[in-house]
Structure formats: C-alpha cells, structure tokens
Amino acid sequence: MEPIPQKSDTHLAQERENAEPEERMRPIPLTVVAVVIAMVLFGVVYLLTADPVGDTNLGDHRTVADLSGPAPAAPGAAVDGKALFAANCAACHQATGKGLPGVFPPLDGSEWVKGEPRVLANILLHGIDGEIEVAGATYKGSMPSFQHLGDADLAGVISYVRGAWSNKAEPIKPEVFEHERKTSTRTKPFEGGAALKALAAGS
C-alpha cells in the first residue's frame, strides 16, 4: 500500500490565500446613457422654442397697486364708494351688507347707518370697541378707525352704504367729516352703543 503524498506547507498556505483583487471598470449601461442624452436634448429644444414670457392668461399678474386698494381721490375727483367699501369694509360686513351673525353686525337695514350723519362720521373716524345693538341683535367686538382715509373717501364709502341694498338714506358730504375731525377731542374708539347714543344726544 503506497503512502498518501503529503502537501507541503507552502502548498497549504497558497490554498488558504484568496485571489488577488482586481480593478474592473463597469461601463454605464447604454440605456441610462440614452435616457440622459434624450433628457438633455429635450431641455435644450424646450428652452429654444418656448415662449420666454409664458401664457399671459395664466397666473396672478396683479401689481402692488392692484392689491393695495383704490388710491385716495384727488380733490374734486369722483370717489368710487363701492370700490372703497370692497377694499376696506366687505371683509367683515360682507359684500351683501349682511355681516356675519353674532360676529360682525349688518350694514343693510342698520339703524346706525341710516341715522344721524354726525354719529356715523364719528364711528368711521374713531372706531368702536364694545357692545352695540344693531337691528335687534347685540354684538361685542371691535371696529377700527378709518381716519387715515381722506374726507372725500370717507364720504364716498358711507354714502354708498347709506344708499345700497335696502338702505335709502341721503349721502353724506365730505364737509361732515372735515368738521368732526376739527371739533372732536376723542383719541380712542367709542365704548360701544352707549357712547354713540350719548354723542347723538349731544348733537
């Protein structure tokens, strides 16, 4: 019986070692290359052929002047009371003049709107901060002053309100606001309907 040949230590060491690593370059698949080239070509063609301005019928093209509301009326110029109402009052009192029940009082049918012009002028010039009854319902909130508007603008917006919807009251002239600005010493909003009634009683 022949003896089994024994492997030398050198051969055993060589069998345990891993093969030497190799650097291989894997090229990008042709499909990916084709897609990238197609996208680049599409982008170039689109930029060269597309209208640089775009469709003017799309998007919001309003200017700052459009969003800032009507400009103050020049002396002697006609005032668009409806536009002023839409810009300054409709957010609370609504375009219908009905207000929001329990939150903002109505202007349509309001005894304050149809009442004493002097009181109404003071409401716009000074605002209200307190409880007020309008058309049989009680409201408690705050109305800002609009004295930053000119006398003609204030007269225009309130004259529109006094003649809109079911209201049939006479217009108010700018001179009413001019007079109240000069004679009133009030520096804060009216404390609700009671303060307005006191003003009316002193008229």
N, C-alpha and C. Protein backbone atom coordinates (compact mmCIF):
# COMPACT_ATOMS: atom_id res chain seq x y z
N MET A 1 0.84 -1.18 0.00
CA MET A 1 0.00 0.00 0.00
C MET A 1 0.89 1.24 0.00
N GLU A 2 0.65 2.05 -0.97
CA GLU A 2 1.52 3.22 -1.12
C GLU A 2 1.10 4.33 -0.16
N PRO A 3 2.01 5.05 0.39
CA PRO A 3 1.67 6.15 1.31
C PRO A 3 1.05 7.31 0.55
N ILE A 4 0.10 7.99 1.26
CA ILE A 4 -0.58 9.17 0.65
C ILE A 4 0.39 10.33 0.68
N PRO A 5 0.61 10.91 -0.47
CA PRO A 5 1.56 12.02 -0.51
C PRO A 5 1.06 13.21 0.32
N GLN A 6 1.90 13.76 1.10
CA GLN A 6 1.58 14.90 1.95
C GLN A 6 1.91 16.21 1.23
N LYS A 7 0.99 17.19 1.42
CA LYS A 7 1.23 18.50 0.79
C LYS A 7 2.19 19.29 1.66
N SER A 8 3.02 20.00 1.02
CA SER A 8 4.00 20.81 1.74
C SER A 8 3.31 22.02 2.38
N ASP A 9 3.99 22.61 3.34
CA ASP A 9 3.44 23.81 4.00
C ASP A 9 3.23 24.95 3.01
N THR A 10 4.05 25.03 2.00
CA THR A 10 3.94 26.10 1.00
C THR A 10 2.65 25.96 0.22
N HIS A 11 2.32 24.71 -0.17
CA HIS A 11 1.09 24.47 -0.93
C HIS A 11 -0.14 24.76 -0.09
N LEU A 12 -0.10 24.38 1.21
CA LEU A 12 -1.25 24.64 2.10
C LEU A 12 -1.48 26.13 2.28
N ALA A 13 -0.43 26.89 2.41
CA ALA A 13 -0.55 28.35 2.56
C ALA A 13 -1.14 28.98 1.33
N GLN A 14 -0.76 28.50 0.16
CA GLN A 14 -1.27 29.05 -1.09
C GLN A 14 -2.77 28.76 -1.25
N GLU A 15 -3.21 27.59 -0.77
CA GLU A 15 -4.62 27.25 -0.90
C GLU A 15 -5.50 28.10 0.03
N ARG A 16 -4.94 28.51 1.16
CA ARG A 16 -5.72 29.31 2.10
C ARG A 16 -5.86 30.77 1.66
N GLU A 17 -4.96 31.26 0.86
CA GLU A 17 -4.99 32.66 0.44
C GLU A 17 -6.07 32.89 -0.62
N ASN A 18 -6.69 34.11 -0.52
CA ASN A 18 -7.68 34.49 -1.54
C ASN A 18 -6.97 35.01 -2.77
N ALA A 19 -7.72 35.00 -3.82
CA ALA A 19 -7.15 35.51 -5.08
C ALA A 19 -6.91 37.01 -4.96
N GLU A 20 -5.92 37.48 -5.63
CA GLU A 20 -5.60 38.90 -5.63
C GLU A 20 -6.77 39.71 -6.21
N PRO A 21 -7.20 40.81 -5.50
CA PRO A 21 -8.30 41.61 -6.06
C PRO A 21 -7.90 42.32 -7.34
N GLU A 22 -8.89 42.51 -8.19
CA GLU A 22 -8.64 43.18 -9.46
C GLU A 22 -9.52 44.42 -9.58
N GLU A 23 -9.02 45.44 -10.21
CA GLU A 23 -9.81 46.62 -10.51
C GLU A 23 -10.47 46.42 -11.86
N ARG A 24 -11.79 46.54 -11.83
CA ARG A 24 -12.51 46.40 -13.09
C ARG A 24 -13.37 47.64 -13.31
N MET A 25 -13.48 48.09 -14.50
CA MET A 25 -14.34 49.22 -14.84
C MET A 25 -15.62 48.69 -15.46
N ARG A 26 -16.74 49.07 -14.77
CA ARG A 26 -18.02 48.66 -15.31
C ARG A 26 -18.63 49.84 -16.05
N PRO A 27 -18.76 49.80 -17.31
CA PRO A 27 -19.30 50.93 -18.07
C PRO A 27 -20.77 51.18 -17.73
N ILE A 28 -21.20 52.47 -17.83
CA ILE A 28 -22.61 52.81 -17.61
C ILE A 28 -23.44 52.09 -18.68
N PRO A 29 -24.57 51.52 -18.27
CA PRO A 29 -25.41 50.84 -19.27
C PRO A 29 -25.85 51.81 -20.37
N LEU A 30 -25.87 51.31 -21.56
CA LEU A 30 -26.24 52.15 -22.71
C LEU A 30 -27.65 52.73 -22.57
N THR A 31 -28.53 52.02 -21.89
CA THR A 31 -29.90 52.53 -21.71
C THR A 31 -29.90 53.82 -20.91
N VAL A 32 -29.11 53.85 -19.81
CA VAL A 32 -29.04 55.05 -18.98
C VAL A 32 -28.44 56.20 -19.76
N VAL A 33 -27.41 55.94 -20.52
CA VAL A 33 -26.78 56.97 -21.34
C VAL A 33 -27.79 57.54 -22.32
N ALA A 34 -28.56 56.68 -22.95
CA ALA A 34 -29.54 57.12 -23.94
C ALA A 34 -30.62 58.00 -23.30
N VAL A 35 -31.07 57.61 -22.08
CA VAL A 35 -32.10 58.39 -21.40
C VAL A 35 -31.58 59.78 -21.03
N VAL A 36 -30.35 59.85 -20.51
CA VAL A 36 -29.77 61.14 -20.11
C VAL A 36 -29.61 62.05 -21.32
N ILE A 37 -29.12 61.51 -22.41
CA ILE A 37 -28.94 62.32 -23.62
C ILE A 37 -30.28 62.83 -24.13
N ALA A 38 -31.31 61.97 -24.08
CA ALA A 38 -32.64 62.37 -24.55
C ALA A 38 -33.20 63.50 -23.70
N MET A 39 -32.99 63.41 -22.37
CA MET A 39 -33.50 64.47 -21.48
C MET A 39 -32.79 65.79 -21.72
N VAL A 40 -31.48 65.74 -21.92
CA VAL A 40 -30.72 66.96 -22.19
C VAL A 40 -31.16 67.60 -23.49
N LEU A 41 -31.34 66.79 -24.52
CA LEU A 41 -31.78 67.32 -25.81
C LEU A 41 -33.18 67.92 -25.71
N PHE A 42 -34.07 67.25 -24.96
CA PHE A 42 -35.42 67.78 -24.78
C PHE A 42 -35.38 69.14 -24.09
N GLY A 43 -34.54 69.27 -23.04
CA GLY A 43 -34.43 70.53 -22.32
C GLY A 43 -33.92 71.65 -23.21
N VAL A 44 -32.92 71.35 -24.03
CA VAL A 44 -32.35 72.36 -24.92
C VAL A 44 -33.40 72.81 -25.94
N VAL A 45 -34.11 71.84 -26.53
CA VAL A 45 -35.12 72.18 -27.53
C VAL A 45 -36.26 72.98 -26.90
N TYR A 46 -36.65 72.61 -25.67
CA TYR A 46 -37.74 73.33 -24.99
C TYR A 46 -37.36 74.78 -24.72
N LEU A 47 -36.13 74.99 -24.22
CA LEU A 47 -35.70 76.35 -23.92
C LEU A 47 -35.58 77.21 -25.17
N LEU A 48 -35.22 76.59 -26.29
CA LEU A 48 -35.07 77.35 -27.53
C LEU A 48 -36.41 77.67 -28.19
N THR A 49 -37.41 76.84 -27.96
CA THR A 49 -38.68 77.02 -28.66
C THR A 49 -39.79 77.60 -27.80
N ALA A 50 -39.66 77.54 -26.45
CA ALA A 50 -40.73 78.01 -25.57
C ALA A 50 -40.79 79.52 -25.54
N ASP A 51 -42.01 80.04 -25.30
CA ASP A 51 -42.22 81.48 -25.17
C ASP A 51 -41.59 81.94 -23.86
N PRO A 52 -40.67 82.89 -23.87
CA PRO A 52 -40.00 83.30 -22.63
C PRO A 52 -40.93 83.96 -21.61
N VAL A 53 -42.02 84.56 -22.08
CA VAL A 53 -42.95 85.23 -21.17
C VAL A 53 -43.97 84.27 -20.61
N GLY A 54 -44.38 83.30 -21.40
CA GLY A 54 -45.40 82.37 -20.96
C GLY A 54 -46.78 82.88 -21.35
N ASP A 55 -47.79 82.08 -21.03
CA ASP A 55 -49.16 82.43 -21.35
C ASP A 55 -49.62 83.52 -20.39
N THR A 56 -49.92 84.68 -20.90
CA THR A 56 -50.33 85.80 -20.04
C THR A 56 -51.69 85.58 -19.41
N ASN A 57 -52.43 84.59 -19.89
CA ASN A 57 -53.74 84.31 -19.30
C ASN A 57 -53.63 83.45 -18.05
N LEU A 58 -52.44 82.93 -17.77
CA LEU A 58 -52.25 82.07 -16.61
C LEU A 58 -51.53 82.84 -15.50
N GLY A 59 -51.84 82.50 -14.28
CA GLY A 59 -51.14 83.08 -13.14
C GLY A 59 -51.75 84.39 -12.67
N ASP A 60 -51.24 84.87 -11.58
CA ASP A 60 -51.73 86.10 -10.97
C ASP A 60 -50.80 87.25 -11.39
N HIS A 61 -51.30 88.12 -12.25
CA HIS A 61 -50.48 89.20 -12.78
C HIS A 61 -50.85 90.55 -12.16
N ARG A 62 -51.51 90.51 -10.96
CA ARG A 62 -51.84 91.77 -10.30
C ARG A 62 -50.58 92.46 -9.80
N THR A 63 -50.60 93.76 -9.83
CA THR A 63 -49.47 94.54 -9.35
C THR A 63 -49.70 94.94 -7.90
N VAL A 64 -48.68 95.55 -7.30
CA VAL A 64 -48.81 96.03 -5.92
C VAL A 64 -49.92 97.07 -5.83
N ALA A 65 -50.04 97.89 -6.84
CA ALA A 65 -51.08 98.92 -6.85
C ALA A 65 -52.47 98.29 -6.86
N ASP A 66 -52.62 97.16 -7.60
CA ASP A 66 -53.91 96.48 -7.64
C ASP A 66 -54.30 95.94 -6.27
N LEU A 67 -53.31 95.44 -5.52
CA LEU A 67 -53.58 94.81 -4.23
C LEU A 67 -53.71 95.80 -3.10
N SER A 68 -53.24 97.01 -3.28
CA SER A 68 -53.27 97.99 -2.19
C SER A 68 -54.57 98.76 -2.12
N GLY A 69 -55.51 98.45 -3.00
CA GLY A 69 -56.81 99.12 -2.95
C GLY A 69 -56.81 100.42 -3.71
N PRO A 70 -57.96 101.03 -3.78
CA PRO A 70 -58.07 102.29 -4.54
C PRO A 70 -57.21 103.39 -3.94
N ALA A 71 -56.62 104.18 -4.79
CA ALA A 71 -55.82 105.31 -4.33
C ALA A 71 -56.74 106.41 -3.82
N PRO A 72 -56.27 107.20 -2.89
CA PRO A 72 -57.10 108.31 -2.40
C PRO A 72 -57.51 109.23 -3.54
N ALA A 73 -58.73 109.68 -3.45
CA ALA A 73 -59.25 110.52 -4.52
C ALA A 73 -58.58 111.88 -4.50
N ALA A 74 -58.29 112.39 -5.67
CA ALA A 74 -57.73 113.73 -5.77
C ALA A 74 -58.84 114.74 -5.49
N PRO A 75 -58.49 115.92 -5.00
CA PRO A 75 -59.51 116.93 -4.73
C PRO A 75 -60.36 117.21 -5.97
N GLY A 76 -61.67 117.13 -5.78
CA GLY A 76 -62.58 117.39 -6.89
C GLY A 76 -62.88 116.17 -7.74
N ALA A 77 -62.15 115.08 -7.56
CA ALA A 77 -62.38 113.88 -8.36
C ALA A 77 -63.51 113.05 -7.76
N ALA A 78 -64.19 112.32 -8.62
CA ALA A 78 -65.28 111.47 -8.15
C ALA A 78 -64.70 110.30 -7.35
N VAL A 79 -65.39 109.91 -6.28
CA VAL A 79 -64.95 108.82 -5.42
C VAL A 79 -65.79 107.59 -5.71
N ASP A 80 -65.13 106.45 -5.87
CA ASP A 80 -65.84 105.19 -6.09
C ASP A 80 -66.11 104.54 -4.73
N GLY A 81 -67.26 104.88 -4.15
CA GLY A 81 -67.61 104.38 -2.82
C GLY A 81 -67.71 102.87 -2.77
N LYS A 82 -68.19 102.26 -3.83
CA LYS A 82 -68.33 100.80 -3.85
C LYS A 82 -66.98 100.12 -3.80
N ALA A 83 -66.01 100.66 -4.55
CA ALA A 83 -64.66 100.09 -4.55
C ALA A 83 -64.01 100.27 -3.18
N LEU A 84 -64.21 101.41 -2.56
CA LEU A 84 -63.66 101.64 -1.22
C LEU A 84 -64.29 100.71 -0.20
N PHE A 85 -65.57 100.46 -0.34
CA PHE A 85 -66.26 99.53 0.56
C PHE A 85 -65.68 98.12 0.39
N ALA A 86 -65.49 97.70 -0.85
CA ALA A 86 -64.95 96.37 -1.11
C ALA A 86 -63.55 96.22 -0.53
N ALA A 87 -62.74 97.29 -0.60
CA ALA A 87 -61.36 97.22 -0.13
C ALA A 87 -61.23 97.32 1.38
N ASN A 88 -62.15 98.03 2.04
CA ASN A 88 -61.98 98.33 3.47
C ASN A 88 -63.02 97.70 4.39
N CYS A 89 -64.20 97.39 3.87
CA CYS A 89 -65.31 97.01 4.76
C CYS A 89 -65.89 95.62 4.49
N ALA A 90 -65.81 95.16 3.24
CA ALA A 90 -66.52 93.93 2.86
C ALA A 90 -65.99 92.69 3.56
N ALA A 91 -64.73 92.71 3.98
CA ALA A 91 -64.17 91.52 4.64
C ALA A 91 -64.95 91.19 5.91
N CYS A 92 -65.43 92.19 6.62
CA CYS A 92 -66.20 91.97 7.85
C CYS A 92 -67.71 92.02 7.59
N HIS A 93 -68.15 93.09 6.95
CA HIS A 93 -69.59 93.29 6.78
C HIS A 93 -70.15 92.58 5.55
N GLN A 94 -69.27 91.95 4.76
CA GLN A 94 -69.65 91.17 3.58
C GLN A 94 -70.14 92.08 2.45
N ALA A 95 -70.00 91.59 1.23
CA ALA A 95 -70.40 92.37 0.05
C ALA A 95 -71.91 92.61 0.02
N THR A 96 -72.66 91.74 0.69
CA THR A 96 -74.11 91.88 0.73
C THR A 96 -74.56 92.87 1.81
N GLY A 97 -73.64 93.30 2.68
CA GLY A 97 -74.01 94.19 3.77
C GLY A 97 -74.69 93.48 4.92
N LYS A 98 -74.76 92.15 4.86
CA LYS A 98 -75.47 91.39 5.90
C LYS A 98 -74.60 91.07 7.11
N GLY A 99 -73.29 91.28 7.01
CA GLY A 99 -72.40 90.95 8.12
C GLY A 99 -72.35 89.46 8.38
N LEU A 100 -71.84 89.09 9.55
CA LEU A 100 -71.80 87.69 9.98
C LEU A 100 -72.54 87.60 11.31
N PRO A 101 -73.61 86.81 11.38
CA PRO A 101 -74.42 86.74 12.61
C PRO A 101 -73.57 86.44 13.84
N GLY A 102 -73.74 87.25 14.86
CA GLY A 102 -73.03 87.07 16.11
C GLY A 102 -71.60 87.55 16.11
N VAL A 103 -71.08 87.94 14.95
CA VAL A 103 -69.68 88.35 14.85
C VAL A 103 -69.57 89.80 14.36
N PHE A 104 -70.02 90.04 13.14
CA PHE A 104 -69.96 91.38 12.56
C PHE A 104 -71.38 91.85 12.24
N PRO A 105 -71.76 93.02 12.70
CA PRO A 105 -73.14 93.49 12.51
C PRO A 105 -73.43 93.84 11.05
N PRO A 106 -74.71 93.77 10.68
CA PRO A 106 -75.07 94.12 9.30
C PRO A 106 -75.07 95.63 9.10
N LEU A 107 -74.84 96.03 7.87
CA LEU A 107 -74.99 97.43 7.48
C LEU A 107 -76.31 97.64 6.75
N ASP A 108 -76.77 96.57 6.11
CA ASP A 108 -78.05 96.61 5.41
C ASP A 108 -79.17 96.64 6.46
N GLY A 109 -79.91 97.73 6.49
CA GLY A 109 -81.01 97.86 7.45
C GLY A 109 -80.58 98.33 8.82
N SER A 110 -79.31 98.70 8.99
CA SER A 110 -78.81 99.15 10.29
C SER A 110 -79.33 100.54 10.63
N GLU A 111 -79.84 100.68 11.87
CA GLU A 111 -80.32 102.00 12.30
C GLU A 111 -79.18 103.00 12.43
N TRP A 112 -77.97 102.50 12.67
CA TRP A 112 -76.81 103.40 12.77
C TRP A 112 -76.43 103.95 11.40
N VAL A 113 -76.51 103.10 10.37
CA VAL A 113 -76.17 103.54 9.01
C VAL A 113 -77.15 104.59 8.52
N LYS A 114 -78.43 104.38 8.84
CA LYS A 114 -79.48 105.30 8.36
C LYS A 114 -79.69 106.48 9.30
N GLY A 115 -78.94 106.52 10.39
CA GLY A 115 -79.17 107.53 11.42
C GLY A 115 -78.43 108.83 11.20
N GLU A 116 -78.12 109.48 12.32
CA GLU A 116 -77.51 110.81 12.33
C GLU A 116 -76.15 110.81 11.61
N PRO A 117 -75.96 111.62 10.56
CA PRO A 117 -74.68 111.64 9.83
C PRO A 117 -73.48 111.94 10.72
N ARG A 118 -73.65 112.82 11.70
CA ARG A 118 -72.53 113.18 12.57
C ARG A 118 -72.06 111.97 13.36
N VAL A 119 -72.99 111.17 13.87
CA VAL A 119 -72.63 109.97 14.64
C VAL A 119 -71.92 108.97 13.74
N LEU A 120 -72.45 108.80 12.55
CA LEU A 120 -71.85 107.85 11.60
C LEU A 120 -70.44 108.29 11.21
N ALA A 121 -70.24 109.59 11.03
CA ALA A 121 -68.91 110.11 10.71
C ALA A 121 -67.93 109.81 11.83
N ASN A 122 -68.38 109.96 13.08
CA ASN A 122 -67.50 109.69 14.22
C ASN A 122 -67.17 108.20 14.36
N ILE A 123 -68.11 107.35 13.97
CA ILE A 123 -67.84 105.90 14.00
C ILE A 123 -66.67 105.58 13.08
N LEU A 124 -66.71 106.14 11.87
CA LEU A 124 -65.63 105.87 10.92
C LEU A 124 -64.32 106.52 11.33
N LEU A 125 -64.40 107.69 11.96
CA LEU A 125 -63.17 108.40 12.34
C LEU A 125 -62.49 107.79 13.56
N HIS A 126 -63.29 107.22 14.47
CA HIS A 126 -62.70 106.76 15.73
C HIS A 126 -62.85 105.26 15.98
N GLY A 127 -63.79 104.60 15.33
CA GLY A 127 -63.99 103.18 15.56
C GLY A 127 -64.83 102.90 16.80
N ILE A 128 -65.10 101.63 17.05
CA ILE A 128 -65.91 101.20 18.19
C ILE A 128 -65.20 100.03 18.85
N ASP A 129 -65.24 100.00 20.17
CA ASP A 129 -64.67 98.88 20.92
C ASP A 129 -65.59 98.59 22.11
N GLY A 130 -66.59 97.76 21.89
CA GLY A 130 -67.54 97.46 22.96
C GLY A 130 -68.84 96.90 22.42
N GLU A 131 -69.82 96.83 23.28
CA GLU A 131 -71.11 96.22 22.94
C GLU A 131 -72.01 97.22 22.24
N ILE A 132 -72.63 96.76 21.16
CA ILE A 132 -73.54 97.62 20.41
C ILE A 132 -74.68 96.77 19.87
N GLU A 133 -75.88 97.35 19.88
CA GLU A 133 -77.06 96.67 19.36
C GLU A 133 -77.34 97.17 17.96
N VAL A 134 -77.49 96.22 17.02
CA VAL A 134 -77.76 96.56 15.62
C VAL A 134 -78.88 95.67 15.12
N ALA A 135 -79.94 96.28 14.64
CA ALA A 135 -81.08 95.55 14.07
C ALA A 135 -81.61 94.49 15.03
N GLY A 136 -81.68 94.84 16.31
CA GLY A 136 -82.25 93.94 17.31
C GLY A 136 -81.32 92.88 17.85
N ALA A 137 -80.08 92.81 17.39
CA ALA A 137 -79.11 91.83 17.88
C ALA A 137 -77.92 92.56 18.51
N THR A 138 -77.36 91.94 19.54
CA THR A 138 -76.24 92.55 20.26
C THR A 138 -74.92 91.98 19.77
N TYR A 139 -73.98 92.86 19.51
CA TYR A 139 -72.65 92.47 19.04
C TYR A 139 -71.62 93.06 20.00
N LYS A 140 -70.58 92.30 20.24
CA LYS A 140 -69.49 92.78 21.08
C LYS A 140 -68.19 92.50 20.36
N GLY A 141 -67.58 93.54 19.89
CA GLY A 141 -66.34 93.37 19.13
C GLY A 141 -65.62 94.69 18.99
N SER A 142 -64.86 94.78 17.92
CA SER A 142 -64.06 95.98 17.70
C SER A 142 -64.08 96.36 16.23
N MET A 143 -64.26 97.63 15.98
CA MET A 143 -64.18 98.16 14.62
C MET A 143 -63.07 99.20 14.59
N PRO A 144 -62.14 99.10 13.66
CA PRO A 144 -61.01 100.04 13.64
C PRO A 144 -61.41 101.42 13.14
N SER A 145 -60.56 102.36 13.40
CA SER A 145 -60.75 103.71 12.89
C SER A 145 -60.29 103.77 11.43
N PHE A 146 -60.97 104.58 10.64
CA PHE A 146 -60.59 104.77 9.24
C PHE A 146 -60.21 106.23 8.97
N GLN A 147 -59.71 106.89 10.00
CA GLN A 147 -59.37 108.30 9.82
C GLN A 147 -58.17 108.51 8.91
N HIS A 148 -57.46 107.43 8.55
CA HIS A 148 -56.36 107.57 7.60
C HIS A 148 -56.87 107.85 6.18
N LEU A 149 -58.15 107.57 5.94
CA LEU A 149 -58.75 107.90 4.65
C LEU A 149 -59.13 109.37 4.62
N GLY A 150 -59.13 109.94 3.45
CA GLY A 150 -59.50 111.35 3.31
C GLY A 150 -60.99 111.57 3.50
N ASP A 151 -61.35 112.82 3.71
CA ASP A 151 -62.77 113.15 3.92
C ASP A 151 -63.63 112.75 2.73
N ALA A 152 -63.13 112.97 1.51
CA ALA A 152 -63.90 112.60 0.32
C ALA A 152 -64.08 111.09 0.23
N ASP A 153 -63.03 110.33 0.59
CA ASP A 153 -63.13 108.87 0.55
C ASP A 153 -64.13 108.37 1.58
N LEU A 154 -64.07 108.92 2.80
CA LEU A 154 -64.99 108.50 3.85
C LEU A 154 -66.43 108.83 3.47
N ALA A 155 -66.63 110.02 2.91
CA ALA A 155 -67.97 110.40 2.48
C ALA A 155 -68.45 109.50 1.35
N GLY A 156 -67.54 109.13 0.46
CA GLY A 156 -67.92 108.27 -0.66
C GLY A 156 -68.34 106.88 -0.22
N VAL A 157 -67.56 106.28 0.69
CA VAL A 157 -67.88 104.92 1.12
C VAL A 157 -69.14 104.88 1.95
N ILE A 158 -69.32 105.86 2.84
CA ILE A 158 -70.51 105.83 3.69
C ILE A 158 -71.75 106.22 2.91
N SER A 159 -71.61 107.09 1.91
CA SER A 159 -72.75 107.43 1.06
C SER A 159 -73.17 106.20 0.25
N TYR A 160 -72.20 105.42 -0.18
CA TYR A 160 -72.54 104.17 -0.89
C TYR A 160 -73.32 103.24 0.03
N VAL A 161 -72.85 103.08 1.26
CA VAL A 161 -73.51 102.17 2.21
C VAL A 161 -74.92 102.67 2.53
N ARG A 162 -75.09 103.98 2.68
CA ARG A 162 -76.40 104.53 3.03
C ARG A 162 -77.43 104.40 1.91
N GLY A 163 -76.95 104.15 0.67
CA GLY A 163 -77.87 104.01 -0.44
C GLY A 163 -77.91 102.61 -1.04
N ALA A 164 -77.11 101.70 -0.48
CA ALA A 164 -77.03 100.34 -1.03
C ALA A 164 -78.04 99.41 -0.37
N TRP A 165 -78.28 98.28 -1.06
CA TRP A 165 -79.16 97.23 -0.55
C TRP A 165 -80.55 97.80 -0.24
N SER A 166 -81.04 97.62 0.96
CA SER A 166 -82.36 98.15 1.29
C SER A 166 -82.28 99.55 1.89
N ASN A 167 -81.06 100.06 2.09
CA ASN A 167 -80.89 101.40 2.68
C ASN A 167 -81.26 102.48 1.66
N LYS A 168 -81.96 103.49 2.13
CA LYS A 168 -82.38 104.59 1.25
C LYS A 168 -82.08 105.95 1.87
N ALA A 169 -81.01 106.02 2.65
CA ALA A 169 -80.67 107.28 3.32
C ALA A 169 -79.91 108.22 2.38
N GLU A 170 -79.89 109.48 2.72
CA GLU A 170 -79.22 110.50 1.91
C GLU A 170 -77.70 110.36 2.01
N PRO A 171 -76.97 110.77 0.98
CA PRO A 171 -75.50 110.76 1.04
C PRO A 171 -74.98 111.71 2.11
N ILE A 172 -73.73 111.52 2.50
CA ILE A 172 -73.07 112.41 3.45
C ILE A 172 -71.97 113.17 2.72
N LYS A 173 -71.86 114.45 2.98
CA LYS A 173 -70.85 115.27 2.31
C LYS A 173 -69.52 115.21 3.05
N PRO A 174 -68.41 115.41 2.34
CA PRO A 174 -67.09 115.40 2.97
C PRO A 174 -66.95 116.43 4.08
N GLU A 175 -67.70 117.53 3.98
CA GLU A 175 -67.61 118.58 4.99
C GLU A 175 -67.99 118.09 6.39
N VAL A 176 -68.85 117.06 6.45
CA VAL A 176 -69.24 116.50 7.76
C VAL A 176 -68.02 115.89 8.44
N PHE A 177 -67.23 115.14 7.69
CA PHE A 177 -66.02 114.52 8.24
C PHE A 177 -64.97 115.58 8.58
N GLU A 178 -64.87 116.57 7.71
CA GLU A 178 -63.91 117.64 7.96
C GLU A 178 -64.24 118.35 9.27
N HIS A 179 -65.50 118.62 9.50
CA HIS A 179 -65.93 119.32 10.71
C HIS A 179 -65.66 118.48 11.96
N GLU A 180 -65.98 117.18 11.88
CA GLU A 180 -65.80 116.30 13.04
C GLU A 180 -64.32 116.10 13.37
N ARG A 181 -63.48 116.08 12.38
CA ARG A 181 -62.04 115.98 12.64
C ARG A 181 -61.55 117.18 13.45
N LYS A 182 -62.05 118.34 13.09
CA LYS A 182 -61.57 119.58 13.72
C LYS A 182 -62.14 119.78 15.12
N THR A 183 -63.39 119.37 15.33
CA THR A 183 -64.06 119.67 16.59
C THR A 183 -63.99 118.55 17.62
N SER A 184 -63.75 117.33 17.19
CA SER A 184 -63.74 116.21 18.14
C SER A 184 -62.42 116.15 18.90
N THR A 185 -62.53 115.87 20.20
CA THR A 185 -61.32 115.71 21.03
C THR A 185 -61.06 114.25 21.36
N ARG A 186 -61.85 113.36 20.82
CA ARG A 186 -61.71 111.92 21.12
C ARG A 186 -60.42 111.37 20.53
N THR A 187 -59.75 110.56 21.32
CA THR A 187 -58.48 109.95 20.86
C THR A 187 -58.52 108.42 20.91
N LYS A 188 -59.67 107.85 21.26
CA LYS A 188 -59.80 106.39 21.33
C LYS A 188 -61.15 105.97 20.78
N PRO A 189 -61.36 104.68 20.51
CA PRO A 189 -62.65 104.23 19.96
C PRO A 189 -63.80 104.48 20.94
N PHE A 190 -65.00 104.52 20.40
CA PHE A 190 -66.20 104.64 21.24
C PHE A 190 -66.41 103.35 22.02
N GLU A 191 -66.87 103.50 23.27
CA GLU A 191 -67.08 102.34 24.14
C GLU A 191 -68.47 101.75 23.90
N GLY A 192 -68.73 101.31 22.69
CA GLY A 192 -69.99 100.67 22.37
C GLY A 192 -71.12 101.63 22.06
N GLY A 193 -72.33 101.06 21.99
CA GLY A 193 -73.50 101.83 21.59
C GLY A 193 -73.88 102.92 22.56
N ALA A 194 -73.62 102.72 23.85
CA ALA A 194 -73.98 103.74 24.84
C ALA A 194 -73.25 105.05 24.58
N ALA A 195 -71.98 104.97 24.26
CA ALA A 195 -71.19 106.18 23.98
C ALA A 195 -71.68 106.86 22.72
N LEU A 196 -72.13 106.07 21.74
CA LEU A 196 -72.64 106.66 20.50
C LEU A 196 -73.98 107.34 20.74
N LYS A 197 -74.81 106.76 21.60
CA LYS A 197 -76.09 107.39 21.92
C LYS A 197 -75.88 108.70 22.67
N ALA A 198 -74.87 108.71 23.54
CA ALA A 198 -74.55 109.95 24.26
C ALA A 198 -74.10 111.03 23.29
N LEU A 199 -73.34 110.62 22.26
CA LEU A 199 -72.91 111.59 21.24
C LEU A 199 -74.11 112.11 20.47
N ALA A 200 -75.05 111.23 20.13
CA ALA A 200 -76.24 111.64 19.39
C ALA A 200 -77.09 112.58 20.22
N ALA A 201 -77.16 112.31 21.51
CA ALA A 201 -77.98 113.15 22.39
C ALA A 201 -77.39 114.56 22.52
N GLY A 202 -76.09 114.68 22.36
CA GLY A 202 -75.43 115.98 22.45
C GLY A 202 -75.40 116.74 21.16
N SER A 203 -75.95 116.14 20.09
CA SER A 203 -75.93 116.81 18.78
C SER A 203 -76.79 118.05 18.77
